[in-house]
Amino acid sequence: MMTSGAFRERLFEAWGEIRENLGRSVLQALGVILGVASVLGGFSISDSMRGQSERLYVKLGGLDKLNVQPNAIVKDGQPTALQAANLGLRGVDAQGGADLDAQAVAGVSVRKNARARTKSPYADQDRQITGVSFDFIPMEGYGIATGRAFSASEMEQGEAVVILGAEAAQTYFPAGDAVGKPMTIGDIPVTVVGTFQERVFRFREDGGNIFHWRNRIIAVPSAFVQKRMQGDHYKRMDRVTFRLPKVSGIQAFSKGLTSLLKGNHRLQEDFRLDDVAARVRKQESQGAVYDMIFLLSGVLALLGGGIVNVNIQMASLKERVREVGVKMAIGASGREVFKGFMTEALLLTILGALVGLAIGCVFSWSITYNLGVPLTMNAGSFIWAFLLAAIFGFAFALYPAWKASRLSPMEALRYE
């Protein structure tokens, strides 16, 4: 109780000193305020951008995917004779990957693209046609708005059925009655069995819909493109995607899949693997660099403010020499004087940190609002900002407090 009473007395005394010298106290706390606001603001802006990127990948169907596509050299460059002789990605690659680890693979999506003149009673355009597999719709984040998805038999037989994206449905059937209506892809009559839900994602609130092109999709069974449009009996694919719920096992699966594909492709690495989760981790590591920059700017602000704080405390000590002398003369020890000065400095640091946190929140909100990105603030950002303020506030208060505790009572009382 005596200890808590002494601490309470020091606290009230420190508060009184801060109120009586408000201008000096604000100058002392200014470095803490700016440092804390810088750290919190920087971290929050970085967290907000990362959070928006994660929401984008979730809208794209999730992070637990491994894409396999033809190597750029094979697809658009000058492949070797052996690479050119290979048949590329095929149905056997997709099936082999699924059988590689049946427990790890939760789904396999394939895509086969083609271009064709597509006509309905209301529109006639040259469009990309996307041949898809059964798992394509859930794995790519699509949802059925009207009608139905493809059946297993339609997928297997390559039936002449089509599902239209929101933009495509509006273009070819502006009255909104697409389901059940006929249209032609190339010279082949097809029937619309469903439409996809409109996909909308704006990285900035005032920005354009970056999913606009996904609403243009004209999806048909992949076998329809392979057999009826291209006459391809090898079941070649433009992309194969594996869903692997255990993200930690993607790397091991990738190694096994690479060996399998090289064996199927005459030991030629004419394909490339794209680990979506690894791509996100790479972006996060790049974001960590910005976090370090924001942290460093906050540390520099706290360091500069701490140096100013020491100078102000040393100057104020000269004004309070007689006060210290009186305290020592009536029985206060050097240790008590040290505690009093430290309590005042730490109270000022806490108050400055709280003001800095408030300014940091306002600063973060204003920046993310202007960017059109939802604000994301993590508890760790507040802890880091407050912890740094406490460390610097404590460290830079030590010397002035020690100097005050070493004053001689007699010399202090004679000081003018």
Protein backbone atom coordinates (compact mmCIF):
# COMPACT_ATOMS: atom_id res chain seq x y z
CA MET A 1 0.00 0.00 0.00
CA MET A 2 2.89 2.37 0.80
CA THR A 3 4.45 1.62 -2.57
CA SER A 4 1.19 2.15 -4.44
CA GLY A 5 0.57 5.35 -2.48
CA ALA A 6 4.04 6.68 -3.32
CA PHE A 7 3.55 5.85 -6.97
CA ARG A 8 0.15 7.55 -6.96
CA GLU A 9 1.73 10.64 -5.42
CA ARG A 10 4.45 10.70 -8.07
CA LEU A 11 1.83 10.28 -10.77
CA PHE A 12 -0.26 13.22 -9.54
CA GLU A 13 2.85 15.33 -9.21
CA ALA A 14 3.94 14.44 -12.77
CA TRP A 15 0.47 15.29 -14.08
CA GLY A 16 0.56 18.64 -12.32
CA GLU A 17 3.99 19.42 -13.76
CA ILE A 18 2.75 18.56 -17.28
CA ARG A 19 -0.31 20.81 -16.93
CA GLU A 20 1.66 23.74 -15.52
CA ASN A 21 4.18 23.55 -18.38
CA LEU A 22 1.86 22.53 -21.20
CA GLY A 23 3.85 24.11 -24.03
CA ARG A 24 7.07 22.42 -22.96
CA SER A 25 5.27 19.13 -22.47
CA VAL A 26 3.78 19.24 -25.98
CA LEU A 27 7.24 19.82 -27.47
CA GLN A 28 8.59 16.87 -25.48
CA ALA A 29 5.78 14.60 -26.66
CA LEU A 30 5.89 15.76 -30.29
CA GLY A 31 8.54 13.23 -31.34
CA VAL A 32 6.56 10.39 -29.73
CA ILE A 33 3.35 11.53 -31.41
CA LEU A 34 4.92 11.67 -34.87
CA GLY A 35 6.79 8.39 -34.43
CA VAL A 36 3.75 6.45 -33.25
CA ALA A 37 1.53 7.95 -35.97
CA SER A 38 4.14 7.08 -38.60
CA VAL A 39 4.47 3.44 -37.50
CA LEU A 40 0.74 2.85 -37.09
CA GLY A 41 -0.18 4.68 -40.29
CA GLY A 42 2.43 2.91 -42.38
CA PHE A 43 1.56 -0.54 -41.06
CA SER A 44 -2.18 0.03 -41.47
CA ILE A 45 -1.89 1.26 -45.06
CA SER A 46 0.32 -1.74 -45.91
CA ASP A 47 -2.12 -4.13 -44.17
CA SER A 48 -5.05 -2.57 -46.04
CA MET A 49 -3.42 -3.10 -49.43
CA ARG A 50 -2.49 -6.69 -48.55
CA GLY A 51 -6.00 -7.36 -47.27
CA GLN A 52 -7.50 -6.12 -50.52
CA SER A 53 -5.12 -8.34 -52.51
CA GLU A 54 -6.13 -11.37 -50.42
CA ARG A 55 -9.81 -10.61 -51.02
CA LEU A 56 -9.05 -10.47 -54.73
CA TYR A 57 -7.46 -13.93 -54.71
CA VAL A 58 -10.39 -15.31 -52.73
CA LYS A 59 -12.74 -13.92 -55.39
CA LEU A 60 -10.56 -15.60 -58.00
CA GLY A 61 -11.32 -18.95 -56.41
CA GLY A 62 -8.86 -19.21 -53.53
CA LEU A 63 -5.15 -19.56 -52.85
CA ASP A 64 -5.02 -23.36 -52.73
CA LYS A 65 -4.39 -23.83 -56.45
CA LEU A 66 -1.54 -24.98 -58.65
CA ASN A 67 -1.77 -24.01 -62.32
CA VAL A 68 0.02 -25.85 -65.14
CA GLN A 69 0.36 -24.07 -68.48
CA PRO A 70 2.51 -24.44 -71.60
CA ASN A 71 5.94 -22.86 -71.37
CA ALA A 72 6.03 -19.39 -72.93
CA ILE A 73 8.79 -20.49 -75.33
CA VAL A 74 6.68 -23.39 -76.56
CA LYS A 75 3.52 -21.32 -76.81
CA ASP A 76 4.77 -18.05 -78.30
CA GLY A 77 8.50 -18.43 -78.90
CA GLN A 78 10.78 -20.75 -80.87
CA PRO A 79 10.64 -24.23 -79.34
CA THR A 80 13.19 -26.92 -80.10
CA ALA A 81 12.30 -29.69 -82.53
CA LEU A 82 11.70 -32.10 -79.67
CA GLN A 83 9.52 -29.61 -77.82
CA ALA A 84 7.56 -28.89 -81.00
CA ALA A 85 7.02 -32.62 -81.52
CA ASN A 86 5.42 -32.97 -78.10
CA LEU A 87 1.66 -32.84 -77.89
CA GLY A 88 1.61 -30.34 -74.99
CA LEU A 89 -0.71 -30.54 -72.01
CA ARG A 90 -3.24 -33.31 -72.40
CA GLY A 91 -6.00 -35.04 -70.55
CA VAL A 92 -3.53 -37.71 -69.46
CA ASP A 93 -1.52 -35.04 -67.62
CA ALA A 94 -4.59 -33.86 -65.72
CA GLN A 95 -5.63 -37.41 -64.82
CA GLY A 96 -2.07 -38.40 -63.91
CA GLY A 97 -1.75 -35.40 -61.59
CA ALA A 98 -5.05 -36.23 -59.91
CA ASP A 99 -3.92 -39.84 -59.36
CA LEU A 100 -0.52 -38.73 -58.08
CA ASP A 101 -1.95 -37.99 -54.64
CA ALA A 102 -5.68 -38.61 -54.56
CA GLN A 103 -5.98 -37.49 -50.93
CA ALA A 104 -4.21 -34.16 -51.51
CA VAL A 105 -6.05 -33.19 -54.72
CA ALA A 106 -9.57 -31.91 -54.05
CA GLY A 107 -10.36 -30.96 -57.65
CA VAL A 108 -8.95 -30.68 -61.17
CA SER A 109 -10.02 -27.98 -63.59
CA VAL A 110 -9.02 -27.86 -67.25
CA ARG A 111 -9.38 -25.11 -69.81
CA LYS A 112 -9.27 -25.28 -73.60
CA ASN A 113 -9.63 -21.99 -75.49
CA ALA A 114 -10.76 -21.31 -79.05
CA ARG A 115 -12.03 -18.36 -81.06
CA ALA A 116 -15.17 -18.47 -83.14
CA ARG A 117 -17.88 -16.34 -84.63
CA THR A 118 -20.74 -16.52 -82.17
CA LYS A 119 -24.26 -15.57 -83.16
CA SER A 120 -27.67 -15.19 -81.59
CA PRO A 121 -30.80 -13.45 -82.93
CA TYR A 122 -29.53 -10.22 -81.34
CA ALA A 123 -25.73 -10.23 -81.80
CA ASP A 124 -22.99 -11.54 -84.07
CA GLN A 125 -19.45 -11.26 -82.68
CA ASP A 126 -16.05 -12.95 -82.80
CA ARG A 127 -15.46 -14.22 -79.27
CA GLN A 128 -13.17 -16.43 -77.24
CA ILE A 129 -14.80 -19.75 -76.39
CA THR A 130 -13.68 -21.38 -73.14
CA GLY A 131 -13.86 -25.16 -72.91
CA VAL A 132 -14.11 -26.14 -69.26
CA SER A 133 -14.27 -29.20 -67.03
CA PHE A 134 -16.71 -30.08 -64.26
CA ASP A 135 -14.60 -28.48 -61.49
CA PHE A 136 -13.99 -25.24 -63.39
CA ILE A 137 -17.01 -23.35 -62.04
CA PRO A 138 -16.31 -23.69 -58.27
CA MET A 139 -12.51 -23.52 -58.63
CA GLU A 140 -12.59 -20.27 -60.61
CA GLY A 141 -15.12 -18.58 -58.33
CA TYR A 142 -18.10 -18.63 -60.70
CA GLY A 143 -21.69 -19.12 -59.62
CA ILE A 144 -24.83 -20.02 -61.56
CA ALA A 145 -27.36 -17.17 -61.77
CA THR A 146 -30.05 -18.80 -63.91
CA GLY A 147 -30.44 -22.25 -65.39
CA ARG A 148 -27.98 -24.97 -64.43
CA ALA A 149 -24.40 -26.14 -64.75
CA PHE A 150 -23.21 -28.81 -67.17
CA SER A 151 -24.07 -32.40 -66.38
CA ALA A 152 -21.47 -35.18 -66.21
CA SER A 153 -22.73 -36.73 -69.45
CA GLU A 154 -22.60 -33.38 -71.27
CA MET A 155 -19.02 -32.94 -70.14
CA GLU A 156 -17.99 -36.42 -71.20
CA GLN A 157 -19.73 -36.37 -74.59
CA GLY A 158 -18.94 -32.75 -75.43
CA GLU A 159 -22.58 -31.86 -75.94
CA ALA A 160 -23.54 -28.62 -77.72
CA VAL A 161 -24.50 -26.68 -74.60
CA VAL A 162 -23.23 -23.33 -73.34
CA ILE A 163 -23.23 -21.19 -70.20
CA LEU A 164 -22.93 -17.43 -70.69
CA GLY A 165 -21.22 -14.89 -68.46
CA ALA A 166 -23.23 -11.86 -67.30
CA GLU A 167 -21.89 -9.57 -70.03
CA ALA A 168 -22.21 -12.22 -72.74
CA ALA A 169 -25.80 -12.99 -71.72
CA GLN A 170 -26.68 -9.29 -71.86
CA THR A 171 -25.03 -8.96 -75.28
CA TYR A 172 -26.55 -12.00 -76.97
CA PHE A 173 -29.91 -11.96 -75.17
CA PRO A 174 -30.61 -8.41 -73.97
CA ALA A 175 -34.14 -9.28 -72.87
CA GLY A 176 -32.65 -11.53 -70.14
CA ASP A 177 -34.25 -14.76 -71.35
CA ALA A 178 -31.11 -16.62 -72.43
CA VAL A 179 -31.74 -20.00 -70.79
CA GLY A 180 -33.10 -22.53 -73.27
CA LYS A 181 -32.46 -20.32 -76.29
CA PRO A 182 -30.41 -21.44 -79.32
CA MET A 183 -27.28 -19.74 -80.68
CA THR A 184 -24.39 -20.82 -82.89
CA ILE A 185 -20.69 -21.12 -82.18
CA GLY A 186 -18.92 -21.21 -85.51
CA ASP A 187 -21.30 -23.31 -87.58
CA ILE A 188 -22.42 -25.47 -84.67
CA PRO A 189 -25.87 -24.89 -83.11
CA VAL A 190 -25.76 -24.85 -79.30
CA THR A 191 -28.31 -24.39 -76.52
CA VAL A 192 -27.91 -22.04 -73.57
CA VAL A 193 -28.41 -24.04 -70.37
CA GLY A 194 -27.39 -21.39 -67.85
CA THR A 195 -25.88 -18.01 -67.07
CA PHE A 196 -23.18 -17.07 -64.59
CA GLN A 197 -23.62 -14.59 -61.79
CA GLU A 198 -22.05 -11.22 -62.50
CA ARG A 199 -18.57 -10.98 -61.03
CA VAL A 200 -17.58 -7.64 -59.58
CA PHE A 201 -14.39 -6.60 -57.83
CA ARG A 202 -12.99 -3.10 -57.58
CA PHE A 203 -9.53 -2.75 -56.09
CA ARG A 204 -10.50 0.87 -55.48
CA GLU A 205 -14.07 1.87 -54.71
CA ASP A 206 -14.07 4.41 -57.52
CA GLY A 207 -12.17 2.13 -59.91
CA GLY A 208 -13.39 -0.07 -62.72
CA ASN A 209 -14.56 -3.65 -62.34
CA ILE A 210 -11.40 -5.70 -62.87
CA PHE A 211 -13.59 -8.80 -63.38
CA HIS A 212 -15.31 -7.27 -66.41
CA TRP A 213 -13.50 -9.62 -68.79
CA ARG A 214 -14.59 -12.64 -66.72
CA ASN A 215 -18.21 -11.68 -67.34
CA ARG A 216 -17.56 -12.08 -71.09
CA ILE A 217 -16.99 -15.83 -70.73
CA ILE A 218 -18.76 -18.22 -73.09
CA ALA A 219 -18.24 -21.62 -71.47
CA VAL A 220 -18.75 -24.96 -73.17
CA PRO A 221 -17.58 -28.48 -72.23
CA SER A 222 -13.85 -28.86 -72.99
CA ALA A 223 -14.63 -31.98 -75.06
CA PHE A 224 -16.88 -29.82 -77.28
CA VAL A 225 -13.90 -27.60 -78.22
CA GLN A 226 -11.51 -30.53 -78.60
CA LYS A 227 -13.71 -32.82 -80.68
CA ARG A 228 -16.31 -30.71 -82.47
CA MET A 229 -14.47 -27.43 -82.98
CA GLN A 230 -10.84 -28.56 -83.39
CA GLY A 231 -11.03 -32.28 -84.08
CA ASP A 232 -8.34 -32.91 -81.46
CA HIS A 233 -8.34 -36.56 -80.35
CA TYR A 234 -5.34 -36.05 -78.04
CA LYS A 235 -7.41 -33.95 -75.63
CA ARG A 236 -4.89 -31.12 -75.46
CA MET A 237 -5.38 -28.41 -72.85
CA ASP A 238 -4.38 -24.78 -72.47
CA ARG A 239 -4.34 -24.96 -68.69
CA VAL A 240 -4.76 -27.52 -65.93
CA THR A 241 -5.47 -26.41 -62.36
CA PHE A 242 -5.20 -28.61 -59.26
CA ARG A 243 -6.91 -27.66 -56.03
CA LEU A 244 -4.83 -28.61 -52.98
CA PRO A 245 -6.55 -27.65 -49.68
CA LYS A 246 -3.35 -28.32 -47.69
CA VAL A 247 -1.28 -25.36 -48.90
CA SER A 248 1.73 -26.68 -46.99
CA GLY A 249 1.79 -29.73 -49.26
CA ILE A 250 1.79 -27.84 -52.56
CA GLN A 251 5.58 -27.75 -52.81
CA ALA A 252 5.94 -31.51 -52.41
CA PHE A 253 3.09 -32.12 -54.87
CA SER A 254 4.76 -29.76 -57.36
CA LYS A 255 7.93 -31.84 -57.37
CA GLY A 256 6.03 -35.06 -58.01
CA LEU A 257 3.92 -33.40 -60.70
CA THR A 258 7.02 -32.01 -62.44
CA SER A 259 8.55 -35.49 -62.62
CA LEU A 260 5.29 -36.94 -63.94
CA LEU A 261 4.90 -34.27 -66.63
CA LYS A 262 8.53 -34.55 -67.77
CA GLY A 263 8.01 -38.28 -68.15
CA ASN A 264 4.88 -37.66 -70.25
CA HIS A 265 6.63 -34.97 -72.32
CA ARG A 266 9.80 -36.83 -73.40
CA LEU A 267 11.83 -35.27 -70.56
CA GLN A 268 11.16 -31.80 -72.01
CA GLU A 269 10.14 -29.10 -69.57
CA ASP A 270 7.72 -27.49 -72.01
CA PHE A 271 5.34 -26.47 -69.23
CA ARG A 272 5.39 -24.13 -66.25
CA LEU A 273 3.86 -24.38 -62.80
CA ASP A 274 2.25 -21.42 -61.08
CA ASP A 275 1.73 -21.81 -57.34
CA VAL A 276 -0.89 -19.19 -56.44
CA ALA A 277 -0.11 -19.36 -52.71
CA ALA A 278 3.62 -18.93 -53.39
CA ARG A 279 2.84 -15.89 -55.52
CA VAL A 280 0.87 -14.38 -52.65
CA ARG A 281 3.68 -15.17 -50.19
CA LYS A 282 6.11 -13.40 -52.52
CA GLN A 283 3.88 -10.34 -52.54
CA GLU A 284 3.67 -10.48 -48.75
CA SER A 285 7.47 -10.63 -48.48
CA GLN A 286 7.64 -7.57 -50.71
CA GLY A 287 5.09 -5.91 -48.45
CA ALA A 288 7.32 -6.73 -45.46
CA VAL A 289 9.99 -4.51 -47.02
CA TYR A 290 7.56 -1.59 -46.92
CA ASP A 291 6.74 -2.46 -43.31
CA MET A 292 10.43 -2.18 -42.47
CA ILE A 293 10.60 1.20 -44.20
CA PHE A 294 7.59 2.46 -42.25
CA LEU A 295 9.07 1.05 -39.04
CA LEU A 296 12.40 2.74 -39.74
CA SER A 297 10.72 6.09 -40.41
CA GLY A 298 8.90 5.79 -37.10
CA VAL A 299 12.11 4.86 -35.28
CA LEU A 300 13.90 7.86 -36.79
CA ALA A 301 11.05 10.14 -35.69
CA LEU A 302 11.20 8.68 -32.17
CA LEU A 303 14.99 9.00 -32.15
CA GLY A 304 14.87 12.64 -33.21
CA GLY A 305 12.09 13.34 -30.75
CA GLY A 306 14.03 11.58 -27.99
CA ILE A 307 17.09 13.75 -28.55
CA VAL A 308 14.91 16.87 -28.43
CA ASN A 309 13.24 15.46 -25.33
CA VAL A 310 16.57 15.02 -23.54
CA ASN A 311 17.59 18.60 -24.33
CA ILE A 312 14.27 19.97 -23.08
CA GLN A 313 14.46 17.88 -19.91
CA MET A 314 18.02 19.04 -19.22
CA ALA A 315 16.95 22.65 -19.74
CA SER A 316 13.92 22.22 -17.49
CA LEU A 317 16.13 20.60 -14.85
CA LYS A 318 18.01 23.88 -14.45
CA GLU A 319 14.69 25.56 -13.68
CA ARG A 320 13.83 22.90 -11.11
CA VAL A 321 17.15 22.67 -9.27
CA ARG A 322 15.82 24.40 -6.15
CA GLU A 323 12.71 22.20 -6.23
CA VAL A 324 14.92 19.11 -6.26
CA GLY A 325 17.06 20.59 -3.48
CA VAL A 326 14.02 21.19 -1.26
CA LYS A 327 12.82 17.63 -1.77
CA MET A 328 16.19 16.24 -0.82
CA ALA A 329 16.47 18.58 2.16
CA ILE A 330 13.21 17.29 3.65
CA GLY A 331 14.26 13.68 3.27
CA ALA A 332 13.74 12.58 -0.34
CA SER A 333 16.49 10.27 -1.54
CA GLY A 334 18.18 10.43 -4.90
CA ARG A 335 16.29 7.28 -5.79
CA GLU A 336 12.95 8.99 -5.15
CA VAL A 337 13.98 11.97 -7.26
CA PHE A 338 14.97 9.56 -10.04
CA LYS A 339 11.60 7.81 -9.83
CA GLY A 340 9.77 11.14 -9.94
CA PHE A 341 11.50 12.30 -13.11
CA MET A 342 11.05 8.88 -14.75
CA THR A 343 7.33 8.82 -13.86
CA GLU A 344 6.85 12.23 -15.44
CA ALA A 345 8.72 11.19 -18.61
CA LEU A 346 6.84 7.90 -18.96
CA LEU A 347 3.46 9.57 -18.34
CA LEU A 348 4.29 12.08 -21.05
CA THR A 349 5.33 9.21 -23.35
CA ILE A 350 2.06 7.35 -22.75
CA LEU A 351 -0.02 10.45 -23.40
CA GLY A 352 1.98 11.21 -26.54
CA ALA A 353 1.61 7.60 -27.73
CA LEU A 354 -2.17 7.72 -27.27
CA VAL A 355 -2.39 10.95 -29.23
CA GLY A 356 -0.09 9.42 -31.88
CA LEU A 357 -2.33 6.34 -32.16
CA ALA A 358 -5.37 8.57 -32.68
CA ILE A 359 -3.57 10.62 -35.34
CA GLY A 360 -2.30 7.40 -36.96
CA CYS A 361 -5.88 6.07 -37.20
CA VAL A 362 -7.11 9.28 -38.81
CA PHE A 363 -4.10 9.37 -41.16
CA SER A 364 -4.62 5.73 -42.20
CA TRP A 365 -8.33 6.23 -42.78
CA SER A 366 -7.79 9.36 -44.88
CA ILE A 367 -5.16 7.68 -47.09
CA THR A 368 -7.14 4.46 -47.65
CA TYR A 369 -10.32 6.48 -48.20
CA ASN A 370 -8.61 8.49 -50.94
CA LEU A 371 -7.23 5.26 -52.43
CA GLY A 372 -10.69 3.69 -52.31
CA VAL A 373 -9.45 0.68 -50.31
CA PRO A 374 -11.13 -0.68 -47.13
CA LEU A 375 -9.11 0.15 -44.03
CA THR A 376 -7.54 -2.84 -42.27
CA MET A 377 -5.92 -2.31 -38.86
CA ASN A 378 -4.26 -5.15 -36.96
CA ALA A 379 -3.70 -5.25 -33.22
CA GLY A 380 -0.01 -5.94 -33.87
CA SER A 381 0.39 -2.49 -35.46
CA PHE A 382 -0.90 -0.80 -32.30
CA ILE A 383 1.34 -2.96 -30.10
CA TRP A 384 4.46 -2.23 -32.18
CA ALA A 385 3.80 1.51 -32.21
CA PHE A 386 3.12 1.70 -28.47
CA LEU A 387 6.04 -0.58 -27.59
CA LEU A 388 8.53 1.48 -29.57
CA ALA A 389 7.27 4.67 -27.93
CA ALA A 390 7.64 3.12 -24.47
CA ILE A 391 11.19 1.89 -25.18
CA PHE A 392 12.41 5.22 -26.55
CA GLY A 393 10.57 7.20 -23.88
CA PHE A 394 12.19 5.12 -21.12
CA ALA A 395 15.66 5.17 -22.69
CA PHE A 396 15.80 8.94 -23.26
CA ALA A 397 14.46 9.73 -19.79
CA LEU A 398 17.23 7.84 -18.00
CA TYR A 399 20.00 10.42 -18.27
CA PRO A 400 18.02 13.51 -17.15
CA ALA A 401 16.49 11.52 -14.26
CA TRP A 402 19.92 10.20 -13.23
CA LYS A 403 21.37 13.73 -13.45
CA ALA A 404 18.63 15.06 -11.19
CA SER A 405 19.16 12.26 -8.65
CA ARG A 406 22.89 13.11 -8.40
CA LEU A 407 22.35 16.76 -7.42
CA SER A 408 23.78 17.85 -4.08
CA PRO A 409 21.04 19.21 -1.78
CA MET A 410 23.24 22.06 -0.49
CA GLU A 411 24.29 23.17 -3.96
CA ALA A 412 20.73 22.86 -5.20
CA LEU A 413 19.39 25.10 -2.43
CA ARG A 414 22.04 27.74 -3.17
CA TYR A 415 21.29 27.62 -6.95
CA GLU A 416 19.83 30.88 -8.32
